[in-house]
C-alpha atoms as a PDB file:
ATOM      1  CA  MET A   1      -4.880 -28.292   2.852  1.00  0.00           C
ATOM      2  CA  THR A   2      -1.939 -27.207   5.009  1.00  0.00           C
ATOM      3  CA  PRO A   3      -2.194 -23.196   5.588  1.00  0.00           C
ATOM      4  CA  SER A   4       0.788 -21.226   4.284  1.00  0.00           C
ATOM      5  CA  ARG A   5       2.414 -18.821   6.750  1.00  0.00           C
ATOM      6  CA  PHE A   6       1.074 -15.970   4.492  1.00  0.00           C
ATOM      7  CA  ASP A   7      -2.566 -16.864   4.818  1.00  0.00           C
ATOM      8  CA  ASP A   8      -4.973 -13.965   4.804  1.00  0.00           C
ATOM      9  CA  ASP A   9      -6.873 -13.871   8.093  1.00  0.00           C
ATOM     10  CA  HIS A  10      -8.551 -10.467   7.281  1.00  0.00           C
ATOM     11  CA  LEU A  11      -6.559  -8.684  10.042  1.00  0.00           C
ATOM     12  CA  CYS A  12      -4.096  -6.838   8.045  1.00  0.00           C
ATOM     13  CA  PHE A  13      -3.698  -3.390   9.461  1.00  0.00           C
ATOM     14  CA  ALA A  14      -3.911  -1.705   6.110  1.00  0.00           C
ATOM     15  CA  CYS A  15      -6.611  -3.724   4.304  1.00  0.00           C
ATOM     16  CA  GLY A  16      -8.119  -6.275   6.777  1.00  0.00           C
ATOM     17  CA  LYS A  17     -11.872  -5.861   7.113  1.00  0.00           C
ATOM     18  CA  ASP A  18     -11.938  -7.676  10.372  1.00  0.00           C
ATOM     19  CA  ASN A  19      -9.338  -5.309  12.059  1.00  0.00           C
ATOM     20  CA  PRO A  20     -11.166  -2.794  14.126  1.00  0.00           C
ATOM     21  CA  ASP A  21      -8.130  -0.588  14.314  1.00  0.00           C
ATOM     22  CA  GLY A  22      -7.026  -0.839  10.892  1.00  0.00           C
ATOM     23  CA  LEU A  23      -7.177   1.457   7.813  1.00  0.00           C
ATOM     24  CA  HIS A  24      -9.685  -0.778   5.696  1.00  0.00           C
ATOM     25  CA  LEU A  25      -8.104   0.280   2.584  1.00  0.00           C
ATOM     26  CA  GLU A  26      -9.993  -0.641  -0.700  1.00  0.00           C
ATOM     27  CA  PHE A  27      -8.229  -0.986  -4.071  1.00  0.00           C
ATOM     28  CA  GLU A  28      -9.288  -0.374  -7.586  1.00  0.00           C
ATOM     29  CA  ALA A  29      -7.652  -1.130 -10.972  1.00  0.00           C
ATOM     30  CA  ALA A  30      -6.415   2.040 -12.725  1.00  0.00           C
ATOM     31  CA  GLY A  31      -5.419   0.520 -16.089  1.00  0.00           C
ATOM     32  CA  SER A  32      -2.333  -1.517 -15.335  1.00  0.00           C
ATOM     33  CA  ASP A  33      -1.897   0.167 -12.018  1.00  0.00           C
ATOM     34  CA  VAL A  34      -3.866  -0.037  -8.657  1.00  0.00           C
ATOM     35  CA  ARG A  35      -5.280   2.858  -6.660  1.00  0.00           C
ATOM     36  CA  THR A  36      -6.625   3.452  -3.248  1.00  0.00           C
ATOM     37  CA  SER A  37      -7.676   6.594  -1.295  1.00  0.00           C
ATOM     38  CA  VAL A  38      -7.392   7.190   2.474  1.00  0.00           C
ATOM     39  CA  THR A  39      -8.273   9.930   4.858  1.00  0.00           C
ATOM     40  CA  PHE A  40      -6.554   9.694   8.189  1.00  0.00           C
ATOM     41  CA  PRO A  41      -8.325  10.428  11.485  1.00  0.00           C
ATOM     42  CA  GLY A  42      -6.600  12.282  14.326  1.00  0.00           C
ATOM     43  CA  LYS A  43      -5.561   9.051  16.106  1.00  0.00           C
ATOM     44  CA  PHE A  44      -2.899   8.571  13.408  1.00  0.00           C
ATOM     45  CA  GLN A  45      -1.170  11.824  13.884  1.00  0.00           C
ATOM     46  CA  GLY A  46       2.378  12.456  14.634  1.00  0.00           C
ATOM     47  CA  TYR A  47       2.720  16.200  15.185  1.00  0.00           C
ATOM     48  CA  SER A  48      -0.556  18.067  15.963  1.00  0.00           C
ATOM     49  CA  GLY A  49      -2.838  17.855  13.053  1.00  0.00           C
ATOM     50  CA  VAL A  50      -0.201  15.998  10.764  1.00  0.00           C
ATOM     51  CA  VAL A  51      -0.345  12.373   9.906  1.00  0.00           C
ATOM     52  CA  HIS A  52       2.545  10.160  11.107  1.00  0.00           C
ATOM     53  CA  GLY A  53       4.789   9.496   8.212  1.00  0.00           C
ATOM     54  CA  GLY A  54       4.934   5.773   9.006  1.00  0.00           C
ATOM     55  CA  LEU A  55       1.089   5.456   8.117  1.00  0.00           C
ATOM     56  CA  VAL A  56       1.803   7.333   5.006  1.00  0.00           C
ATOM     57  CA  SER A  57       4.575   4.763   4.146  1.00  0.00           C
ATOM     58  CA  THR A  58       2.210   1.972   5.140  1.00  0.00           C
ATOM     59  CA  VAL A  59      -0.307   2.906   2.520  1.00  0.00           C
ATOM     60  CA  LEU A  60       2.293   3.396  -0.129  1.00  0.00           C
ATOM     61  CA  ASP A  61       3.837  -0.042   0.689  1.00  0.00           C
ATOM     62  CA  GLU A  62       0.273  -1.796   1.022  1.00  0.00           C
ATOM     63  CA  THR A  63      -0.694  -0.297  -2.512  1.00  0.00           C
ATOM     64  CA  MET A  64       2.546  -1.668  -4.110  1.00  0.00           C
ATOM     65  CA  VAL A  65       2.156  -5.120  -2.780  1.00  0.00           C
ATOM     66  CA  THR A  66      -1.578  -5.192  -3.628  1.00  0.00           C
ATOM     67  CA  LEU A  67      -0.591  -4.375  -7.190  1.00  0.00           C
ATOM     68  CA  LEU A  68       1.633  -7.539  -7.202  1.00  0.00           C
ATOM     69  CA  ASN A  69      -1.185  -9.499  -5.583  1.00  0.00           C
ATOM     70  CA  ARG A  70      -3.636  -8.462  -8.275  1.00  0.00           C
ATOM     71  CA  MET A  71      -1.109  -9.588 -10.938  1.00  0.00           C
ATOM     72  CA  GLY A  72      -1.171 -13.057  -9.259  1.00  0.00           C
ATOM     73  CA  TYR A  73       1.980 -12.874  -7.313  1.00  0.00           C
ATOM     74  CA  LEU A  74       2.276 -13.368  -3.585  1.00  0.00           C
ATOM     75  CA  ALA A  75       5.089 -10.895  -2.812  1.00  0.00           C
ATOM     76  CA  LEU A  76       6.844  -9.354   0.238  1.00  0.00           C
ATOM     77  CA  THR A  77       8.503  -5.941   0.554  1.00  0.00           C
ATOM     78  CA  ALA A  78      12.303  -6.568   0.753  1.00  0.00           C
ATOM     79  CA  GLU A  79      13.342  -2.723   0.548  1.00  0.00           C
ATOM     80  CA  LEU A  80      11.196   0.393   0.904  1.00  0.00           C
ATOM     81  CA  SER A  81      12.289   3.857   0.097  1.00  0.00           C
ATOM     82  CA  VAL A  82       9.864   6.856   0.877  1.00  0.00           C
ATOM     83  CA  ARG A  83      10.351  10.560  -0.037  1.00  0.00           C
ATOM     84  CA  PHE A  84       8.024  12.831   1.742  1.00  0.00           C
ATOM     85  CA  ARG A  85       7.374  16.028  -0.244  1.00  0.00           C
ATOM     86  CA  GLU A  86       4.535  17.737   1.953  1.00  0.00           C
ATOM     87  CA  PRO A  87       2.918  16.899   5.243  1.00  0.00           C
ATOM     88  CA  VAL A  88      -0.282  14.998   5.058  1.00  0.00           C
ATOM     89  CA  ARG A  89      -2.914  16.737   7.188  1.00  0.00           C
ATOM     90  CA  VAL A  90      -5.337  14.784   9.512  1.00  0.00           C
ATOM     91  CA  GLY A  91      -8.703  14.555   7.689  1.00  0.00           C
ATOM     92  CA  GLU A  92      -7.304  15.317   4.307  1.00  0.00           C
ATOM     93  CA  ARG A  93      -7.876  12.633   1.455  1.00  0.00           C
ATOM     94  CA  ILE A  94      -4.864  11.317  -0.458  1.00  0.00           C
ATOM     95  CA  ASP A  95      -4.984   9.138  -3.449  1.00  0.00           C
ATOM     96  CA  VAL A  96      -2.195   6.543  -3.794  1.00  0.00           C
ATOM     97  CA  THR A  97      -1.324   4.799  -7.115  1.00  0.00           C
ATOM     98  CA  ALA A  98       1.145   2.017  -7.675  1.00  0.00           C
ATOM     99  CA  SER A  99       2.914   0.982 -10.928  1.00  0.00           C
ATOM    100  CA  LEU A 100       5.198  -1.952 -11.746  1.00  0.00           C
ATOM    101  CA  ILE A 101       8.452  -0.528 -12.931  1.00  0.00           C
ATOM    102  CA  GLU A 102      10.410  -3.790 -13.493  1.00  0.00           C
ATOM    103  CA  LYS A 103      10.324  -7.544 -13.090  1.00  0.00           C
ATOM    104  CA  ARG A 104      13.390  -9.589 -13.094  1.00  0.00           C
ATOM    105  CA  GLY A 105      12.768 -13.227 -12.179  1.00  0.00           C
ATOM    106  CA  LYS A 106      11.103 -13.201  -8.686  1.00  0.00           C
ATOM    107  CA  VAL A 107      12.139  -9.648  -7.987  1.00  0.00           C
ATOM    108  CA  PHE A 108       9.914  -6.686  -8.696  1.00  0.00           C
ATOM    109  CA  LYS A 109      10.641  -3.004  -8.769  1.00  0.00           C
ATOM    110  CA  VAL A 110       7.532  -1.072  -7.862  1.00  0.00           C
ATOM    111  CA  ALA A 111       6.594   2.646  -7.673  1.00  0.00           C
ATOM    112  CA  ALA A 112       3.843   4.561  -6.004  1.00  0.00           C
ATOM    113  CA  ILE A 113       2.634   8.187  -5.662  1.00  0.00           C
ATOM    114  CA  ALA A 114       0.476   9.732  -2.920  1.00  0.00           C
ATOM    115  CA  ALA A 115      -1.187  12.891  -4.023  1.00  0.00           C
ATOM    116  CA  ARG A 116      -3.949  15.048  -3.046  1.00  0.00           C
ATOM    117  CA  PRO A 117      -7.000  15.425  -5.090  1.00  0.00           C
ATOM    118  CA  ASP A 118      -5.677  18.349  -6.914  1.00  0.00           C
ATOM    119  CA  GLY A 119      -2.700  16.422  -7.929  1.00  0.00           C
ATOM    120  CA  THR A 120      -0.108  17.729  -5.648  1.00  0.00           C
ATOM    121  CA  GLU A 121       2.386  15.026  -4.675  1.00  0.00           C
ATOM    122  CA  VAL A 122       2.788  14.507  -0.890  1.00  0.00           C
ATOM    123  CA  ALA A 123       4.986  11.466  -1.055  1.00  0.00           C
ATOM    124  CA  THR A 124       6.557   9.083  -3.404  1.00  0.00           C
ATOM    125  CA  ALA A 125       7.967   5.600  -2.877  1.00  0.00           C
ATOM    126  CA  GLU A 126       9.750   2.691  -4.588  1.00  0.00           C
ATOM    127  CA  SER A 127      10.093  -0.831  -3.382  1.00  0.00           C
ATOM    128  CA  ARG A 128      11.792  -3.991  -4.323  1.00  0.00           C
ATOM    129  CA  CYS A 129       9.659  -6.944  -3.552  1.00  0.00           C
ATOM    130  CA  PHE A 130      10.256 -10.738  -3.973  1.00  0.00           C
ATOM    131  CA  GLN A 131       7.800 -13.208  -4.954  1.00  0.00           C
ATOM    132  CA  VAL A 132       7.260 -16.060  -2.305  1.00  0.00           C
ATOM    133  CA  GLY A 133       4.443 -17.743  -4.417  1.00  0.00           C
ATOM    134  CA  LEU A 134       1.286 -17.296  -6.296  1.00  0.00           C
ATOM    135  CA  VAL A 135      -2.038 -15.783  -5.120  1.00  0.00           C
ATOM    136  CA  GLN A 136      -4.442 -18.641  -4.718  1.00  0.00           C
ATOM    137  CA  GLU A 137      -8.172 -18.142  -4.856  1.00  0.00           C
ATOM    138  CA  ASP A 138     -10.062 -19.161  -1.829  1.00  0.00           C
ATOM    139  CA  ALA A 139     -11.268 -22.724  -1.965  1.00  0.00           C
END
């Protein structure tokens, strides 16, 4: 079998188990949604004690694409919009949940919410993703 240009080599920064510098995100089903939790160490800060917004964006994006993967679609993010509501502190757990909003042909609109355990939203995101194939089980 010829490898696709989107093969999983387990080095993804967000979820790759073999990436020593990665976030090692793990996902679970939450009804029709997908959810993960993350606590960022200090090496991912921007300002002192505050997680860099790009890392929060990465987790929101990864959760949305993982939702589509779990639905059987191999998809890539075409557009990502993030709204930061409150700073995420180093060492603070955030829970991220992604939901499918709309599917039109090979284009998906997906939303995600990052919140503290008490429910306080720290960031929200919307993305448009496009399908490039179907997720295939490892042979």
